[in-house]
Amino acid sequence: MKIRLFTPGPTPVPEKVMTRMADPILHHRTKEFSNIFTEVSEILKELFQTKEDVIILTSSGTGAMEAAVANHLNPGD
């Protein structure tokens, strides 16, 4: 069996991506961001085949796990 090490980078980044990364950041309180967020949420609902809300977390995997555990426990558990 071949052992593989899946660690990040360095990764070549295409020039087109580098150019887009130089664009101003889209603020999360703008109408444009809200529209994109809504569109992405709807696409994810379709992808996951659900009509329920899809929760998008802006955190690491550790943050997502903490959110999942914290929402299954009551104070004092």
N, C-alpha and C. Protein backbone atom coordinates (compact mmCIF):
# COMPACT_ATOMS: atom_id res chain seq x y z
N MET A 1 0.85 -1.17 0.00
CA MET A 1 0.00 0.00 0.00
C MET A 1 0.90 1.24 0.00
N LYS A 2 0.56 2.18 -0.86
CA LYS A 2 1.31 3.43 -0.93
C LYS A 2 0.80 4.39 0.14
N ILE A 3 1.70 4.93 0.93
CA ILE A 3 1.33 5.88 1.96
C ILE A 3 1.32 7.28 1.35
N ARG A 4 0.24 8.02 1.60
CA ARG A 4 0.12 9.38 1.07
C ARG A 4 -0.04 10.36 2.23
N LEU A 5 0.59 11.48 2.08
CA LEU A 5 0.49 12.54 3.07
C LEU A 5 -0.32 13.68 2.46
N PHE A 6 -1.53 13.87 2.95
CA PHE A 6 -2.42 14.89 2.40
C PHE A 6 -2.35 16.16 3.24
N THR A 7 -1.32 16.93 3.01
CA THR A 7 -1.16 18.20 3.71
C THR A 7 -1.33 19.34 2.71
N PRO A 8 -1.73 20.51 3.19
CA PRO A 8 -1.94 21.62 2.26
C PRO A 8 -0.64 22.19 1.71
N GLY A 9 -0.70 22.62 0.47
CA GLY A 9 0.31 23.40 -0.21
C GLY A 9 1.72 22.87 -0.20
N PRO A 10 2.62 23.55 -0.84
CA PRO A 10 2.30 24.71 -1.68
C PRO A 10 1.55 24.28 -2.93
N THR A 11 0.62 25.10 -3.34
CA THR A 11 -0.22 24.80 -4.48
C THR A 11 -0.08 25.90 -5.52
N PRO A 12 0.14 25.53 -6.77
CA PRO A 12 0.19 26.57 -7.80
C PRO A 12 -1.19 27.21 -7.97
N VAL A 13 -1.21 28.52 -8.03
CA VAL A 13 -2.47 29.25 -8.17
C VAL A 13 -2.50 29.90 -9.55
N PRO A 14 -3.54 29.63 -10.33
CA PRO A 14 -3.62 30.22 -11.67
C PRO A 14 -3.66 31.76 -11.61
N GLU A 15 -3.11 32.39 -12.61
CA GLU A 15 -3.05 33.85 -12.68
C GLU A 15 -4.44 34.48 -12.55
N LYS A 16 -5.44 33.85 -13.18
CA LYS A 16 -6.81 34.37 -13.12
C LYS A 16 -7.32 34.44 -11.67
N VAL A 17 -6.98 33.42 -10.89
CA VAL A 17 -7.40 33.39 -9.49
C VAL A 17 -6.66 34.47 -8.70
N MET A 18 -5.37 34.61 -8.94
CA MET A 18 -4.59 35.63 -8.25
C MET A 18 -5.15 37.03 -8.53
N THR A 19 -5.55 37.26 -9.76
CA THR A 19 -6.11 38.56 -10.14
C THR A 19 -7.42 38.81 -9.39
N ARG A 20 -8.28 37.79 -9.32
CA ARG A 20 -9.57 37.94 -8.61
C ARG A 20 -9.35 38.16 -7.12
N MET A 21 -8.31 37.56 -6.57
CA MET A 21 -8.03 37.73 -5.15
C MET A 21 -7.62 39.17 -4.82
N ALA A 22 -7.23 39.92 -5.82
CA ALA A 22 -6.84 41.31 -5.62
C ALA A 22 -8.06 42.24 -5.60
N ASP A 23 -9.23 41.72 -5.97
CA ASP A 23 -10.46 42.53 -5.94
C ASP A 23 -10.81 42.89 -4.50
N PRO A 24 -11.53 44.00 -4.31
CA PRO A 24 -11.97 44.36 -2.96
C PRO A 24 -12.86 43.26 -2.36
N ILE A 25 -12.77 43.10 -1.06
CA ILE A 25 -13.56 42.08 -0.36
C ILE A 25 -15.03 42.51 -0.32
N LEU A 26 -15.91 41.58 -0.56
CA LEU A 26 -17.35 41.83 -0.53
C LEU A 26 -17.80 41.79 0.94
N HIS A 27 -18.28 42.92 1.44
CA HIS A 27 -18.68 42.99 2.85
C HIS A 27 -19.93 42.15 3.09
N HIS A 28 -19.97 41.48 4.23
CA HIS A 28 -21.06 40.55 4.52
C HIS A 28 -22.39 41.23 4.85
N ARG A 29 -22.41 42.53 4.96
CA ARG A 29 -23.68 43.23 5.24
C ARG A 29 -24.26 43.92 4.00
N THR A 30 -23.69 43.64 2.84
CA THR A 30 -24.20 44.27 1.62
C THR A 30 -25.31 43.43 1.00
N LYS A 31 -26.11 44.07 0.18
CA LYS A 31 -27.19 43.37 -0.52
C LYS A 31 -26.61 42.33 -1.47
N GLU A 32 -25.50 42.66 -2.11
CA GLU A 32 -24.86 41.72 -3.04
C GLU A 32 -24.46 40.43 -2.32
N PHE A 33 -23.86 40.57 -1.14
CA PHE A 33 -23.47 39.38 -0.37
C PHE A 33 -24.71 38.58 0.02
N SER A 34 -25.74 39.28 0.46
CA SER A 34 -26.98 38.62 0.86
C SER A 34 -27.57 37.81 -0.29
N ASN A 35 -27.54 38.38 -1.49
CA ASN A 35 -28.06 37.68 -2.66
C ASN A 35 -27.24 36.42 -2.96
N ILE A 36 -25.92 36.54 -2.89
CA ILE A 36 -25.05 35.39 -3.14
C ILE A 36 -25.27 34.32 -2.08
N PHE A 37 -25.37 34.73 -0.82
CA PHE A 37 -25.58 33.79 0.28
C PHE A 37 -26.89 33.02 0.10
N THR A 38 -27.94 33.74 -0.28
CA THR A 38 -29.24 33.11 -0.51
C THR A 38 -29.16 32.11 -1.66
N GLU A 39 -28.50 32.51 -2.73
CA GLU A 39 -28.36 31.62 -3.89
C GLU A 39 -27.57 30.36 -3.52
N VAL A 40 -26.48 30.53 -2.80
CA VAL A 40 -25.67 29.38 -2.39
C VAL A 40 -26.47 28.46 -1.47
N SER A 41 -27.23 29.04 -0.55
CA SER A 41 -28.06 28.24 0.35
C SER A 41 -29.07 27.39 -0.43
N GLU A 42 -29.69 27.99 -1.43
CA GLU A 42 -30.66 27.25 -2.24
C GLU A 42 -29.98 26.13 -3.04
N ILE A 43 -28.81 26.40 -3.56
CA ILE A 43 -28.06 25.38 -4.30
C ILE A 43 -27.70 24.22 -3.37
N LEU A 44 -27.29 24.55 -2.15
CA LEU A 44 -26.93 23.50 -1.19
C LEU A 44 -28.14 22.67 -0.79
N LYS A 45 -29.30 23.30 -0.65
CA LYS A 45 -30.53 22.55 -0.35
C LYS A 45 -30.80 21.53 -1.44
N GLU A 46 -30.64 21.96 -2.68
CA GLU A 46 -30.84 21.05 -3.80
C GLU A 46 -29.80 19.94 -3.79
N LEU A 47 -28.55 20.31 -3.55
CA LEU A 47 -27.46 19.33 -3.52
C LEU A 47 -27.70 18.27 -2.45
N PHE A 48 -28.13 18.71 -1.26
CA PHE A 48 -28.35 17.79 -0.15
C PHE A 48 -29.77 17.22 -0.13
N GLN A 49 -30.56 17.58 -1.14
CA GLN A 49 -31.93 17.08 -1.29
C GLN A 49 -32.75 17.30 -0.02
N THR A 50 -32.80 18.56 0.42
CA THR A 50 -33.57 18.90 1.61
C THR A 50 -34.34 20.19 1.38
N LYS A 51 -35.42 20.33 2.11
CA LYS A 51 -36.18 21.59 2.10
C LYS A 51 -35.90 22.37 3.39
N GLU A 52 -35.15 21.74 4.29
CA GLU A 52 -34.79 22.38 5.56
C GLU A 52 -33.69 23.41 5.34
N ASP A 53 -33.49 24.27 6.34
CA ASP A 53 -32.41 25.25 6.25
C ASP A 53 -31.06 24.54 6.20
N VAL A 54 -30.15 25.10 5.45
CA VAL A 54 -28.78 24.62 5.40
C VAL A 54 -27.93 25.62 6.17
N ILE A 55 -27.19 25.14 7.13
CA ILE A 55 -26.37 26.02 7.96
C ILE A 55 -24.97 26.11 7.35
N ILE A 56 -24.54 27.32 7.07
CA ILE A 56 -23.20 27.55 6.53
C ILE A 56 -22.36 28.16 7.65
N LEU A 57 -21.32 27.45 8.03
CA LEU A 57 -20.45 27.92 9.11
C LEU A 57 -19.17 28.50 8.54
N THR A 58 -18.80 29.66 9.02
CA THR A 58 -17.54 30.27 8.61
C THR A 58 -16.50 29.97 9.68
N SER A 59 -16.18 28.70 9.79
CA SER A 59 -15.21 28.27 10.79
C SER A 59 -14.45 27.07 10.25
N SER A 60 -13.52 26.62 11.05
CA SER A 60 -12.78 25.41 10.69
C SER A 60 -13.66 24.19 10.96
N GLY A 61 -13.16 23.03 10.61
CA GLY A 61 -13.87 21.80 10.94
C GLY A 61 -14.04 21.64 12.44
N THR A 62 -13.05 22.09 13.18
CA THR A 62 -13.14 22.04 14.65
C THR A 62 -14.29 22.90 15.14
N GLY A 63 -14.44 24.08 14.56
CA GLY A 63 -15.54 24.96 14.93
C GLY A 63 -16.89 24.34 14.61
N ALA A 64 -16.97 23.65 13.48
CA ALA A 64 -18.21 22.97 13.10
C ALA A 64 -18.54 21.84 14.07
N MET A 65 -17.52 21.08 14.46
CA MET A 65 -17.74 20.00 15.43
C MET A 65 -18.19 20.56 16.77
N GLU A 66 -17.58 21.65 17.21
CA GLU A 66 -17.97 22.27 18.47
C GLU A 66 -19.42 22.74 18.41
N ALA A 67 -19.81 23.34 17.29
CA ALA A 67 -21.19 23.79 17.12
C ALA A 67 -22.16 22.61 17.18
N ALA A 68 -21.79 21.52 16.53
CA ALA A 68 -22.66 20.33 16.53
C ALA A 68 -22.82 19.77 17.94
N VAL A 69 -21.73 19.64 18.65
CA VAL A 69 -21.79 19.08 20.01
C VAL A 69 -22.53 20.04 20.94
N ALA A 70 -22.21 21.32 20.86
CA ALA A 70 -22.84 22.31 21.74
C ALA A 70 -24.35 22.36 21.56
N ASN A 71 -24.82 22.09 20.35
CA ASN A 71 -26.26 22.15 20.09
C ASN A 71 -26.99 20.85 20.42
N HIS A 72 -26.26 19.86 20.90
CA HIS A 72 -26.89 18.62 21.33
C HIS A 72 -26.83 18.44 22.84
N LEU A 73 -26.29 19.42 23.52
CA LEU A 73 -26.18 19.34 24.98
C LEU A 73 -26.92 20.50 25.62
N ASN A 74 -27.33 20.28 26.84
CA ASN A 74 -27.96 21.32 27.63
C ASN A 74 -26.98 21.81 28.68
N PRO A 75 -27.15 23.02 29.18
CA PRO A 75 -26.26 23.49 30.25
C PRO A 75 -26.24 22.49 31.41
N GLY A 76 -25.06 22.16 31.87
CA GLY A 76 -24.91 21.22 32.97
C GLY A 76 -24.68 19.79 32.55
N ASP A 77 -24.84 19.47 31.26
CA ASP A 77 -24.61 18.09 30.80
C ASP A 77 -23.14 17.73 30.90
